[in-house]
């Protein structure tokens, strides 16, 4: 894991994102609705008796500031929070997560990318690396299909780190691999922005990512696929769906996030999925940006629609093939 000192050395923007996300995770873990509740839930029973509500109000301002992105500058404060919450939650690991180090380096090298990936949890390291003859780790030349599926099917910032790392690595000569990685990463970011507390920082994270990398990648790589995909909403508004997580168009992903949410609600209404966390994840994993217009047309049509993803995929393929 990266160190607290490395967290403190992050740029102001990256450090703010890390702090906001860490506090959002802490708030969700405690089941708190406010900074006041966060502070109260972290107190022991003895401390709750000792300190009055006025002290709690003043003390909770610390969490208000951290929720707004003010960095935590003293390590012992983080250690104390983690001691009170206890494992498996760790605010320290969230602040020092490889995601922030990876995305805060506008000039990444293969070594810096590998270092970030090696600091991920063990299950991810196993998928991406293998032991060499000197008991060290070297990147696997090819990540298995099963590993790629596991990464895309997950819902955490570890997987997001992997997908962004794939985008930052040098592409093959035809550049096909880069665009597939970019498309996977933007779809994953949108999914994570809807179903997790990453929603608290997603839009600003996307902006920072493009500020750091769009100019470099735009000059380094030819684009096989377009940066955006035209989409017409059911109310006949024209918007652009991002096809890459890093691009020159700087599309506001809030609009695309809203499209995903509305399509999921419509899928529930049409009986394709149930209102469960599992079905919601399956639906977002199913969405393909090149098919999203046909998916919308099918879900909003009056005629009967398929009641399973397999038949729906077949129908989408037919419409794409025939360009109806």
C-alpha atoms as a PDB file:
ATOM      1  CA  UNK A   1       0.000   0.000   0.000  1.00  0.00           C
ATOM      2  CA  UNK A   2       1.141   3.529  -0.665  1.00  0.00           C
ATOM      3  CA  UNK A   3       2.006   5.585   2.413  1.00  0.00           C
ATOM      4  CA  UNK A   4       0.227   8.456   4.124  1.00  0.00           C
ATOM      5  CA  UNK A   5       3.141  10.688   3.141  1.00  0.00           C
ATOM      6  CA  UNK A   6       2.479   9.858  -0.522  1.00  0.00           C
ATOM      7  CA  UNK A   7      -1.187  10.802  -0.020  1.00  0.00           C
ATOM      8  CA  UNK A   8      -0.036  14.178   1.317  1.00  0.00           C
ATOM      9  CA  UNK A   9       2.164  14.679  -1.767  1.00  0.00           C
ATOM     10  CA  UNK A  10      -0.747  14.280  -4.179  1.00  0.00           C
ATOM     11  CA  UNK A  11      -1.867  17.337  -6.117  1.00  0.00           C
ATOM     12  CA  UNK A  12      -4.502  19.485  -4.455  1.00  0.00           C
ATOM     13  CA  UNK A  13      -7.221  18.141  -6.767  1.00  0.00           C
ATOM     14  CA  UNK A  14      -6.325  14.465  -6.347  1.00  0.00           C
ATOM     15  CA  UNK A  15      -5.919  14.814  -2.595  1.00  0.00           C
ATOM     16  CA  UNK A  16      -9.328  16.463  -2.388  1.00  0.00           C
ATOM     17  CA  UNK A  17     -10.932  13.605  -4.340  1.00  0.00           C
ATOM     18  CA  UNK A  18      -9.252  10.978  -2.162  1.00  0.00           C
ATOM     19  CA  UNK A  19     -10.412  12.731   1.012  1.00  0.00           C
ATOM     20  CA  UNK A  20     -13.976  13.223  -0.203  1.00  0.00           C
ATOM     21  CA  UNK A  21     -14.235   9.614  -1.304  1.00  0.00           C
ATOM     22  CA  UNK A  22     -12.716   8.300   1.927  1.00  0.00           C
ATOM     23  CA  UNK A  23     -15.201  10.306   4.002  1.00  0.00           C
ATOM     24  CA  UNK A  24     -18.109   9.181   1.819  1.00  0.00           C
ATOM     25  CA  UNK A  25     -17.105   5.544   2.382  1.00  0.00           C
ATOM     26  CA  UNK A  26     -16.770   6.138   6.129  1.00  0.00           C
ATOM     27  CA  UNK A  27     -20.179   7.801   6.234  1.00  0.00           C
ATOM     28  CA  UNK A  28     -21.795   4.909   4.360  1.00  0.00           C
ATOM     29  CA  UNK A  29     -20.021   2.302   6.502  1.00  0.00           C
ATOM     30  CA  UNK A  30     -21.272   3.942   9.700  1.00  0.00           C
ATOM     31  CA  UNK A  31     -24.769   4.400   8.299  1.00  0.00           C
ATOM     32  CA  UNK A  32     -24.561   8.101   9.132  1.00  0.00           C
ATOM     33  CA  UNK A  33     -26.625  10.792   7.446  1.00  0.00           C
ATOM     34  CA  UNK A  34     -24.531  13.782   8.484  1.00  0.00           C
ATOM     35  CA  UNK A  35     -21.124  14.823   9.752  1.00  0.00           C
ATOM     36  CA  UNK A  36     -22.663  15.126  13.223  1.00  0.00           C
ATOM     37  CA  UNK A  37     -23.802  11.497  13.084  1.00  0.00           C
ATOM     38  CA  UNK A  38     -20.400  10.376  11.812  1.00  0.00           C
ATOM     39  CA  UNK A  39     -18.675  11.942  14.809  1.00  0.00           C
ATOM     40  CA  UNK A  40     -21.265  10.591  17.235  1.00  0.00           C
ATOM     41  CA  UNK A  41     -21.053   7.035  15.916  1.00  0.00           C
ATOM     42  CA  UNK A  42     -17.268   7.075  16.300  1.00  0.00           C
ATOM     43  CA  UNK A  43     -17.468   7.914  20.006  1.00  0.00           C
ATOM     44  CA  UNK A  44     -17.411   5.285  22.721  1.00  0.00           C
ATOM     45  CA  UNK A  45     -20.329   5.060  25.161  1.00  0.00           C
ATOM     46  CA  UNK A  46     -18.205   6.750  27.813  1.00  0.00           C
ATOM     47  CA  UNK A  47     -17.333   9.598  25.467  1.00  0.00           C
ATOM     48  CA  UNK A  48     -20.980  10.094  24.531  1.00  0.00           C
ATOM     49  CA  UNK A  49     -21.805  10.649  28.196  1.00  0.00           C
ATOM     50  CA  UNK A  50     -18.777  12.885  28.744  1.00  0.00           C
ATOM     51  CA  UNK A  51     -19.272  15.209  25.780  1.00  0.00           C
ATOM     52  CA  UNK A  52     -22.426  17.240  25.213  1.00  0.00           C
ATOM     53  CA  UNK A  53     -24.226  18.055  21.960  1.00  0.00           C
ATOM     54  CA  UNK A  54     -22.577  21.478  21.735  1.00  0.00           C
ATOM     55  CA  UNK A  55     -19.125  19.873  21.714  1.00  0.00           C
ATOM     56  CA  UNK A  56     -20.337  17.348  19.138  1.00  0.00           C
ATOM     57  CA  UNK A  57     -21.591  20.121  16.871  1.00  0.00           C
ATOM     58  CA  UNK A  58     -18.251  21.915  16.977  1.00  0.00           C
ATOM     59  CA  UNK A  59     -16.230  18.726  16.673  1.00  0.00           C
ATOM     60  CA  UNK A  60     -18.230  17.465  13.691  1.00  0.00           C
ATOM     61  CA  UNK A  61     -17.086  20.468  11.642  1.00  0.00           C
ATOM     62  CA  UNK A  62     -13.923  18.478  11.011  1.00  0.00           C
ATOM     63  CA  UNK A  63     -15.944  15.949   9.010  1.00  0.00           C
ATOM     64  CA  UNK A  64     -17.860  18.690   7.229  1.00  0.00           C
ATOM     65  CA  UNK A  65     -14.579  20.086   5.951  1.00  0.00           C
ATOM     66  CA  UNK A  66     -13.254  16.667   4.952  1.00  0.00           C
ATOM     67  CA  UNK A  67     -16.458  15.898   3.048  1.00  0.00           C
ATOM     68  CA  UNK A  68     -15.773  19.071   1.067  1.00  0.00           C
ATOM     69  CA  UNK A  69     -12.263  17.876   0.249  1.00  0.00           C
ATOM     70  CA  UNK A  70     -10.017  19.479   2.842  1.00  0.00           C
ATOM     71  CA  UNK A  71      -7.120  17.021   3.284  1.00  0.00           C
ATOM     72  CA  UNK A  72      -6.337  15.232   6.527  1.00  0.00           C
ATOM     73  CA  UNK A  73      -2.825  16.350   7.414  1.00  0.00           C
ATOM     74  CA  UNK A  74      -2.169  14.336  10.582  1.00  0.00           C
ATOM     75  CA  UNK A  75      -1.678  10.601  10.331  1.00  0.00           C
ATOM     76  CA  UNK A  76      -2.726   9.949  13.930  1.00  0.00           C
ATOM     77  CA  UNK A  77      -6.192  11.302  13.101  1.00  0.00           C
ATOM     78  CA  UNK A  78      -6.639   8.635  10.420  1.00  0.00           C
ATOM     79  CA  UNK A  79      -5.191   5.952  12.703  1.00  0.00           C
ATOM     80  CA  UNK A  80      -7.646   6.935  15.448  1.00  0.00           C
ATOM     81  CA  UNK A  81     -10.614   6.725  13.081  1.00  0.00           C
ATOM     82  CA  UNK A  82      -9.529   3.291  11.852  1.00  0.00           C
ATOM     83  CA  UNK A  83      -9.043   2.131  15.445  1.00  0.00           C
ATOM     84  CA  UNK A  84     -12.587   3.151  16.302  1.00  0.00           C
ATOM     85  CA  UNK A  85     -14.186   1.676  13.184  1.00  0.00           C
ATOM     86  CA  UNK A  86     -12.057  -1.504  13.145  1.00  0.00           C
ATOM     87  CA  UNK A  87     -11.369  -3.806  10.146  1.00  0.00           C
ATOM     88  CA  UNK A  88     -12.255  -4.535   7.424  1.00  0.00           C
ATOM     89  CA  UNK A  89     -12.890  -0.806   6.938  1.00  0.00           C
ATOM     90  CA  UNK A  90      -9.736   1.268   6.567  1.00  0.00           C
ATOM     91  CA  UNK A  91      -9.767   4.985   5.867  1.00  0.00           C
ATOM     92  CA  UNK A  92      -5.997   4.852   5.487  1.00  0.00           C
ATOM     93  CA  UNK A  93      -6.214   2.361   2.621  1.00  0.00           C
ATOM     94  CA  UNK A  94      -8.781   4.562   0.859  1.00  0.00           C
ATOM     95  CA  UNK A  95      -6.661   7.703   1.136  1.00  0.00           C
ATOM     96  CA  UNK A  96      -3.547   5.825   0.007  1.00  0.00           C
ATOM     97  CA  UNK A  97      -5.247   3.829  -2.730  1.00  0.00           C
ATOM     98  CA  UNK A  98      -3.283   3.267  -5.982  1.00  0.00           C
ATOM     99  CA  UNK A  99      -6.084   4.912  -7.983  1.00  0.00           C
ATOM    100  CA  UNK A 100      -5.074   8.381  -6.791  1.00  0.00           C
ATOM    101  CA  UNK A 101      -1.374   7.799  -7.383  1.00  0.00           C
ATOM    102  CA  UNK A 102      -2.017   6.411 -10.873  1.00  0.00           C
ATOM    103  CA  UNK A 103      -4.294   9.198 -12.041  1.00  0.00           C
ATOM    104  CA  UNK A 104      -2.246  11.999 -10.471  1.00  0.00           C
ATOM    105  CA  UNK A 105       0.814  11.213 -12.603  1.00  0.00           C
ATOM    106  CA  UNK A 106       0.354  12.933 -16.001  1.00  0.00           C
ATOM    107  CA  UNK A 107       3.497  11.289 -17.373  1.00  0.00           C
ATOM    108  CA  UNK A 108       3.100   7.619 -16.474  1.00  0.00           C
ATOM    109  CA  UNK A 109       5.692   5.004 -17.349  1.00  0.00           C
ATOM    110  CA  UNK A 110       5.280   1.255 -17.514  1.00  0.00           C
ATOM    111  CA  UNK A 111       7.096   1.050 -14.180  1.00  0.00           C
ATOM    112  CA  UNK A 112       4.794   3.569 -12.479  1.00  0.00           C
ATOM    113  CA  UNK A 113       1.729   1.802 -13.872  1.00  0.00           C
ATOM    114  CA  UNK A 114       2.995  -1.579 -12.676  1.00  0.00           C
ATOM    115  CA  UNK A 115       3.767  -0.123  -9.258  1.00  0.00           C
ATOM    116  CA  UNK A 116       0.199   1.102  -8.914  1.00  0.00           C
ATOM    117  CA  UNK A 117      -1.210  -2.270  -9.974  1.00  0.00           C
ATOM    118  CA  UNK A 118       1.086  -4.155  -7.585  1.00  0.00           C
ATOM    119  CA  UNK A 119      -0.370  -2.122  -4.717  1.00  0.00           C
ATOM    120  CA  UNK A 120      -3.872  -3.422  -5.400  1.00  0.00           C
ATOM    121  CA  UNK A 121      -5.392  -6.214  -3.262  1.00  0.00           C
ATOM    122  CA  UNK A 122      -3.848  -9.658  -3.686  1.00  0.00           C
ATOM    123  CA  UNK A 123      -6.632 -11.077  -5.869  1.00  0.00           C
ATOM    124  CA  UNK A 124      -6.029  -8.368  -8.476  1.00  0.00           C
ATOM    125  CA  UNK A 125      -2.264  -8.747  -8.325  1.00  0.00           C
ATOM    126  CA  UNK A 126      -2.672 -12.482  -9.005  1.00  0.00           C
ATOM    127  CA  UNK A 127      -4.720 -11.755 -12.122  1.00  0.00           C
ATOM    128  CA  UNK A 128      -2.217  -9.265 -13.521  1.00  0.00           C
ATOM    129  CA  UNK A 129       1.181 -10.583 -12.414  1.00  0.00           C
ATOM    130  CA  UNK A 130       3.113 -13.812 -12.096  1.00  0.00           C
ATOM    131  CA  UNK A 131       6.261 -14.712 -10.186  1.00  0.00           C
ATOM    132  CA  UNK A 132       9.565 -14.625 -12.022  1.00  0.00           C
ATOM    133  CA  UNK A 133      12.643 -16.737 -11.283  1.00  0.00           C
ATOM    134  CA  UNK A 134      13.909 -14.333  -8.610  1.00  0.00           C
ATOM    135  CA  UNK A 135      10.691 -14.479  -6.549  1.00  0.00           C
ATOM    136  CA  UNK A 136       9.674 -11.099  -7.923  1.00  0.00           C
ATOM    137  CA  UNK A 137       6.584 -10.162  -9.913  1.00  0.00           C
ATOM    138  CA  UNK A 138       6.305  -9.568 -13.646  1.00  0.00           C
ATOM    139  CA  UNK A 139       3.233  -8.588 -15.653  1.00  0.00           C
ATOM    140  CA  UNK A 140       1.433 -11.348 -17.436  1.00  0.00           C
ATOM    141  CA  UNK A 141       1.756 -10.907 -21.183  1.00  0.00           C
ATOM    142  CA  UNK A 142      -1.959 -11.484 -21.545  1.00  0.00           C
ATOM    143  CA  UNK A 143      -4.734 -11.157 -18.999  1.00  0.00           C
ATOM    144  CA  UNK A 144      -7.138 -14.094 -19.218  1.00  0.00           C
ATOM    145  CA  UNK A 145     -10.709 -13.619 -20.412  1.00  0.00           C
ATOM    146  CA  UNK A 146     -11.935 -14.829 -17.036  1.00  0.00           C
ATOM    147  CA  UNK A 147      -9.837 -12.171 -15.294  1.00  0.00           C
ATOM    148  CA  UNK A 148     -11.157  -9.446 -17.611  1.00  0.00           C
ATOM    149  CA  UNK A 149     -14.704 -10.638 -16.918  1.00  0.00           C
ATOM    150  CA  UNK A 150     -14.108 -10.544 -13.154  1.00  0.00           C
ATOM    151  CA  UNK A 151     -12.681  -7.044 -13.363  1.00  0.00           C
ATOM    152  CA  UNK A 152     -15.629  -5.698 -15.367  1.00  0.00           C
ATOM    153  CA  UNK A 153     -18.200  -7.525 -13.240  1.00  0.00           C
ATOM    154  CA  UNK A 154     -16.873  -6.100  -9.975  1.00  0.00           C
ATOM    155  CA  UNK A 155     -17.943  -2.864  -8.315  1.00  0.00           C
ATOM    156  CA  UNK A 156     -14.925  -1.300  -6.643  1.00  0.00           C
ATOM    157  CA  UNK A 157     -12.163   1.217  -7.264  1.00  0.00           C
ATOM    158  CA  UNK A 158      -9.606  -1.600  -7.513  1.00  0.00           C
ATOM    159  CA  UNK A 159     -11.125  -2.647 -10.833  1.00  0.00           C
ATOM    160  CA  UNK A 160     -11.400   0.979 -11.950  1.00  0.00           C
ATOM    161  CA  UNK A 161      -7.667   1.320 -11.292  1.00  0.00           C
ATOM    162  CA  UNK A 162      -6.989  -1.713 -13.500  1.00  0.00           C
ATOM    163  CA  UNK A 163      -9.113  -0.414 -16.356  1.00  0.00           C
ATOM    164  CA  UNK A 164      -7.541   3.045 -16.282  1.00  0.00           C
ATOM    165  CA  UNK A 165      -4.075   1.483 -16.160  1.00  0.00           C
ATOM    166  CA  UNK A 166      -4.911  -0.494 -19.311  1.00  0.00           C
ATOM    167  CA  UNK A 167      -5.811   2.814 -21.008  1.00  0.00           C
ATOM    168  CA  UNK A 168      -2.545   4.465 -20.023  1.00  0.00           C
ATOM    169  CA  UNK A 169      -0.354   1.658 -21.294  1.00  0.00           C
ATOM    170  CA  UNK A 170       1.122   1.810 -24.779  1.00  0.00           C
ATOM    171  CA  UNK A 171      -1.381   0.367 -27.277  1.00  0.00           C
ATOM    172  CA  UNK A 172      -0.808  -2.110 -30.036  1.00  0.00           C
ATOM    173  CA  UNK A 173       0.142  -0.696 -33.450  1.00  0.00           C
ATOM    174  CA  UNK A 174      -3.433  -0.834 -34.742  1.00  0.00           C
ATOM    175  CA  UNK A 175      -4.662   0.813 -31.540  1.00  0.00           C
ATOM    176  CA  UNK A 176      -7.746  -1.434 -31.345  1.00  0.00           C
ATOM    177  CA  UNK A 177      -6.834  -2.539 -27.858  1.00  0.00           C
ATOM    178  CA  UNK A 178      -6.653   1.005 -26.544  1.00  0.00           C
ATOM    179  CA  UNK A 179     -10.143   1.917 -27.637  1.00  0.00           C
ATOM    180  CA  UNK A 180     -11.647  -1.258 -26.230  1.00  0.00           C
ATOM    181  CA  UNK A 181      -9.914  -0.474 -22.951  1.00  0.00           C
ATOM    182  CA  UNK A 182     -11.188   3.114 -23.078  1.00  0.00           C
ATOM    183  CA  UNK A 183     -14.739   1.985 -23.748  1.00  0.00           C
ATOM    184  CA  UNK A 184     -14.638  -0.571 -20.932  1.00  0.00           C
ATOM    185  CA  UNK A 185     -13.271   2.042 -18.546  1.00  0.00           C
ATOM    186  CA  UNK A 186     -15.905   4.702 -19.264  1.00  0.00           C
ATOM    187  CA  UNK A 187     -18.717   2.157 -18.974  1.00  0.00           C
ATOM    188  CA  UNK A 188     -17.282   0.961 -15.673  1.00  0.00           C
ATOM    189  CA  UNK A 189     -16.916   4.499 -14.322  1.00  0.00           C
ATOM    190  CA  UNK A 190     -20.548   5.235 -15.140  1.00  0.00           C
ATOM    191  CA  UNK A 191     -21.714   2.013 -13.493  1.00  0.00           C
ATOM    192  CA  UNK A 192     -19.634   2.696 -10.385  1.00  0.00           C
ATOM    193  CA  UNK A 193     -20.989   6.247 -10.282  1.00  0.00           C
ATOM    194  CA  UNK A 194     -24.529   4.937 -10.010  1.00  0.00           C
ATOM    195  CA  UNK A 195     -24.294   1.970  -7.657  1.00  0.00           C
ATOM    196  CA  UNK A 196     -21.624   3.082  -5.186  1.00  0.00           C
ATOM    197  CA  UNK A 197     -20.506   6.050  -3.103  1.00  0.00           C
ATOM    198  CA  UNK A 198     -18.032   6.856  -5.871  1.00  0.00           C
ATOM    199  CA  UNK A 199     -20.937   8.978  -7.118  1.00  0.00           C
ATOM    200  CA  UNK A 200     -19.739  11.668  -4.683  1.00  0.00           C
ATOM    201  CA  UNK A 201     -16.569  12.255  -6.718  1.00  0.00           C
ATOM    202  CA  UNK A 202     -17.219  10.665 -10.134  1.00  0.00           C
ATOM    203  CA  UNK A 203     -17.768  13.815 -12.195  1.00  0.00           C
ATOM    204  CA  UNK A 204     -14.782  15.647 -10.711  1.00  0.00           C
ATOM    205  CA  UNK A 205     -12.662  12.512 -11.057  1.00  0.00           C
ATOM    206  CA  UNK A 206     -13.540  12.321 -14.757  1.00  0.00           C
ATOM    207  CA  UNK A 207     -12.579  15.973 -15.209  1.00  0.00           C
ATOM    208  CA  UNK A 208      -9.232  15.517 -13.439  1.00  0.00           C
ATOM    209  CA  UNK A 209      -8.478  12.382 -15.440  1.00  0.00           C
ATOM    210  CA  UNK A 210      -8.973  14.242 -18.709  1.00  0.00           C
ATOM    211  CA  UNK A 211      -7.061  17.285 -17.519  1.00  0.00           C
ATOM    212  CA  UNK A 212      -4.071  15.068 -16.791  1.00  0.00           C
ATOM    213  CA  UNK A 213      -4.126  12.750 -19.796  1.00  0.00           C
ATOM    214  CA  UNK A 214      -6.309  13.865 -22.718  1.00  0.00           C
ATOM    215  CA  UNK A 215      -3.710  16.062 -24.435  1.00  0.00           C
ATOM    216  CA  UNK A 216      -0.981  13.445 -24.112  1.00  0.00           C
ATOM    217  CA  UNK A 217      -3.063  10.522 -25.336  1.00  0.00           C
ATOM    218  CA  UNK A 218      -4.634  12.547 -28.145  1.00  0.00           C
ATOM    219  CA  UNK A 219      -1.219  13.303 -29.616  1.00  0.00           C
ATOM    220  CA  UNK A 220       0.244   9.875 -28.910  1.00  0.00           C
ATOM    221  CA  UNK A 221      -2.547   7.708 -30.316  1.00  0.00           C
ATOM    222  CA  UNK A 222      -4.707   7.677 -33.415  1.00  0.00           C
ATOM    223  CA  UNK A 223      -8.365   7.122 -32.611  1.00  0.00           C
ATOM    224  CA  UNK A 224      -9.998   4.138 -34.283  1.00  0.00           C
ATOM    225  CA  UNK A 225     -13.418   4.835 -32.792  1.00  0.00           C
ATOM    226  CA  UNK A 226     -14.941   8.252 -32.253  1.00  0.00           C
ATOM    227  CA  UNK A 227     -14.697   9.946 -28.879  1.00  0.00           C
ATOM    228  CA  UNK A 228     -18.472  10.207 -28.604  1.00  0.00           C
ATOM    229  CA  UNK A 229     -21.563   8.401 -29.854  1.00  0.00           C
ATOM    230  CA  UNK A 230     -24.672  10.368 -30.907  1.00  0.00           C
ATOM    231  CA  UNK A 231     -27.796   9.493 -28.945  1.00  0.00           C
ATOM    232  CA  UNK A 232     -31.362  10.713 -29.149  1.00  0.00           C
ATOM    233  CA  UNK A 233     -33.338  10.532 -25.913  1.00  0.00           C
ATOM    234  CA  UNK A 234     -36.988   9.399 -25.764  1.00  0.00           C
ATOM    235  CA  UNK A 235     -38.025  13.064 -25.505  1.00  0.00           C
ATOM    236  CA  UNK A 236     -36.104  13.771 -28.750  1.00  0.00           C
ATOM    237  CA  UNK A 237     -33.109  15.564 -27.233  1.00  0.00           C
ATOM    238  CA  UNK A 238     -29.724  15.010 -28.903  1.00  0.00           C
ATOM    239  CA  UNK A 239     -26.784  14.227 -26.602  1.00  0.00           C
ATOM    240  CA  UNK A 240     -23.366  12.650 -26.917  1.00  0.00           C
ATOM    241  CA  UNK A 241     -22.410   9.433 -25.113  1.00  0.00           C
ATOM    242  CA  UNK A 242     -18.674   9.167 -24.312  1.00  0.00           C
ATOM    243  CA  UNK A 243     -16.870   6.272 -25.975  1.00  0.00           C
ATOM    244  CA  UNK A 244     -13.592   6.852 -24.170  1.00  0.00           C
ATOM    245  CA  UNK A 245     -12.790   7.649 -20.558  1.00  0.00           C
ATOM    246  CA  UNK A 246      -9.970   9.926 -21.761  1.00  0.00           C
ATOM    247  CA  UNK A 247     -10.772  12.126 -24.762  1.00  0.00           C
ATOM    248  CA  UNK A 248     -10.692  15.632 -26.156  1.00  0.00           C
ATOM    249  CA  UNK A 249     -14.438  16.206 -26.060  1.00  0.00           C
ATOM    250  CA  UNK A 250     -14.759  16.502 -22.270  1.00  0.00           C
ATOM    251  CA  UNK A 251     -18.349  15.278 -22.305  1.00  0.00           C
ATOM    252  CA  UNK A 252     -20.290  15.847 -19.101  1.00  0.00           C
ATOM    253  CA  UNK A 253     -20.803  12.291 -17.855  1.00  0.00           C
ATOM    254  CA  UNK A 254     -23.716  13.376 -15.642  1.00  0.00           C
ATOM    255  CA  UNK A 255     -25.927  13.292 -18.743  1.00  0.00           C
ATOM    256  CA  UNK A 256     -24.882   9.734 -19.596  1.00  0.00           C
ATOM    257  CA  UNK A 257     -25.315   8.634 -15.979  1.00  0.00           C
ATOM    258  CA  UNK A 258     -28.874   9.946 -16.162  1.00  0.00           C
ATOM    259  CA  UNK A 259     -29.456   7.977 -19.393  1.00  0.00           C
ATOM    260  CA  UNK A 260     -28.318   4.771 -17.678  1.00  0.00           C
ATOM    261  CA  UNK A 261     -30.618   5.398 -14.714  1.00  0.00           C
ATOM    262  CA  UNK A 262     -33.654   6.098 -16.898  1.00  0.00           C
ATOM    263  CA  UNK A 263     -33.042   3.000 -19.013  1.00  0.00           C
ATOM    264  CA  UNK A 264     -32.831   0.868 -15.872  1.00  0.00           C
ATOM    265  CA  UNK A 265     -36.128   2.281 -14.575  1.00  0.00           C
ATOM    266  CA  UNK A 266     -37.738   1.594 -17.948  1.00  0.00           C
ATOM    267  CA  UNK A 267     -36.355  -1.953 -17.937  1.00  0.00           C
ATOM    268  CA  UNK A 268     -38.031  -2.478 -14.559  1.00  0.00           C
ATOM    269  CA  UNK A 269     -41.337  -1.143 -15.903  1.00  0.00           C
ATOM    270  CA  UNK A 270     -41.145  -3.449 -18.926  1.00  0.00           C
ATOM    271  CA  UNK A 271     -40.437  -6.502 -16.757  1.00  0.00           C
ATOM    272  CA  UNK A 272     -36.940  -7.147 -18.081  1.00  0.00           C
ATOM    273  CA  UNK A 273     -35.322  -6.819 -14.650  1.00  0.00           C
ATOM    274  CA  UNK A 274     -36.322  -6.548 -11.014  1.00  0.00           C
ATOM    275  CA  UNK A 275     -35.497  -3.699  -8.677  1.00  0.00           C
ATOM    276  CA  UNK A 276     -32.574  -5.418  -6.962  1.00  0.00           C
ATOM    277  CA  UNK A 277     -28.895  -4.583  -6.646  1.00  0.00           C
ATOM    278  CA  UNK A 278     -27.982  -7.727  -8.574  1.00  0.00           C
ATOM    279  CA  UNK A 279     -30.307  -6.969 -11.493  1.00  0.00           C
ATOM    280  CA  UNK A 280     -29.216  -3.344 -11.570  1.00  0.00           C
ATOM    281  CA  UNK A 281     -25.566  -4.365 -11.927  1.00  0.00           C
ATOM    282  CA  UNK A 282     -26.445  -6.923 -14.601  1.00  0.00           C
ATOM    283  CA  UNK A 283     -28.345  -4.306 -16.574  1.00  0.00           C
ATOM    284  CA  UNK A 284     -25.540  -1.748 -16.467  1.00  0.00           C
ATOM    285  CA  UNK A 285     -23.046  -4.446 -17.474  1.00  0.00           C
ATOM    286  CA  UNK A 286     -25.336  -5.292 -20.399  1.00  0.00           C
ATOM    287  CA  UNK A 287     -25.446  -1.759 -21.806  1.00  0.00           C
ATOM    288  CA  UNK A 288     -23.252  -1.267 -24.862  1.00  0.00           C
ATOM    289  CA  UNK A 289     -22.790   2.293 -26.103  1.00  0.00           C
ATOM    290  CA  UNK A 290     -22.894   1.338 -29.777  1.00  0.00           C
ATOM    291  CA  UNK A 291     -26.268  -0.342 -29.149  1.00  0.00           C
ATOM    292  CA  UNK A 292     -27.696   2.121 -26.649  1.00  0.00           C
ATOM    293  CA  UNK A 293     -29.951   3.842 -29.209  1.00  0.00           C
ATOM    294  CA  UNK A 294     -31.512   0.543 -30.280  1.00  0.00           C
ATOM    295  CA  UNK A 295     -31.827  -0.512 -26.625  1.00  0.00           C
ATOM    296  CA  UNK A 296     -33.701   2.698 -25.872  1.00  0.00           C
ATOM    297  CA  UNK A 297     -36.003   2.282 -28.872  1.00  0.00           C
ATOM    298  CA  UNK A 298     -36.826  -1.295 -27.853  1.00  0.00           C
ATOM    299  CA  UNK A 299     -37.516  -0.468 -24.199  1.00  0.00           C
ATOM    300  CA  UNK A 300     -39.756   2.461 -25.146  1.00  0.00           C
ATOM    301  CA  UNK A 301     -41.662   0.731 -27.952  1.00  0.00           C
ATOM    302  CA  UNK A 302     -45.277  -0.300 -27.399  1.00  0.00           C
ATOM    303  CA  UNK A 303     -44.757  -3.826 -28.717  1.00  0.00           C
ATOM    304  CA  UNK A 304     -43.759  -6.712 -26.487  1.00  0.00           C
ATOM    305  CA  UNK A 305     -40.053  -6.910 -25.676  1.00  0.00           C
ATOM    306  CA  UNK A 306     -37.821  -9.882 -24.778  1.00  0.00           C
ATOM    307  CA  UNK A 307     -37.940 -10.917 -21.131  1.00  0.00           C
ATOM    308  CA  UNK A 308     -34.282 -11.955 -20.874  1.00  0.00           C
ATOM    309  CA  UNK A 309     -30.894 -10.538 -21.812  1.00  0.00           C
ATOM    310  CA  UNK A 310     -30.056 -13.318 -24.265  1.00  0.00           C
ATOM    311  CA  UNK A 311     -33.078 -12.696 -26.492  1.00  0.00           C
ATOM    312  CA  UNK A 312     -32.699  -8.949 -26.108  1.00  0.00           C
ATOM    313  CA  UNK A 313     -29.078  -9.161 -27.243  1.00  0.00           C
ATOM    314  CA  UNK A 314     -30.154 -11.131 -30.298  1.00  0.00           C
ATOM    315  CA  UNK A 315     -32.748  -8.468 -31.152  1.00  0.00           C
ATOM    316  CA  UNK A 316     -30.187  -5.702 -30.695  1.00  0.00           C
ATOM    317  CA  UNK A 317     -27.809  -7.542 -33.004  1.00  0.00           C
ATOM    318  CA  UNK A 318     -30.510  -7.838 -35.676  1.00  0.00           C
ATOM    319  CA  UNK A 319     -31.365  -4.143 -35.481  1.00  0.00           C
ATOM    320  CA  UNK A 320     -27.723  -3.122 -35.587  1.00  0.00           C
ATOM    321  CA  UNK A 321     -27.123  -5.395 -38.568  1.00  0.00           C
ATOM    322  CA  UNK A 322     -30.156  -4.091 -40.426  1.00  0.00           C
ATOM    323  CA  UNK A 323     -29.706  -0.524 -39.113  1.00  0.00           C
ATOM    324  CA  UNK A 324     -33.381  -0.142 -38.424  1.00  0.00           C
END
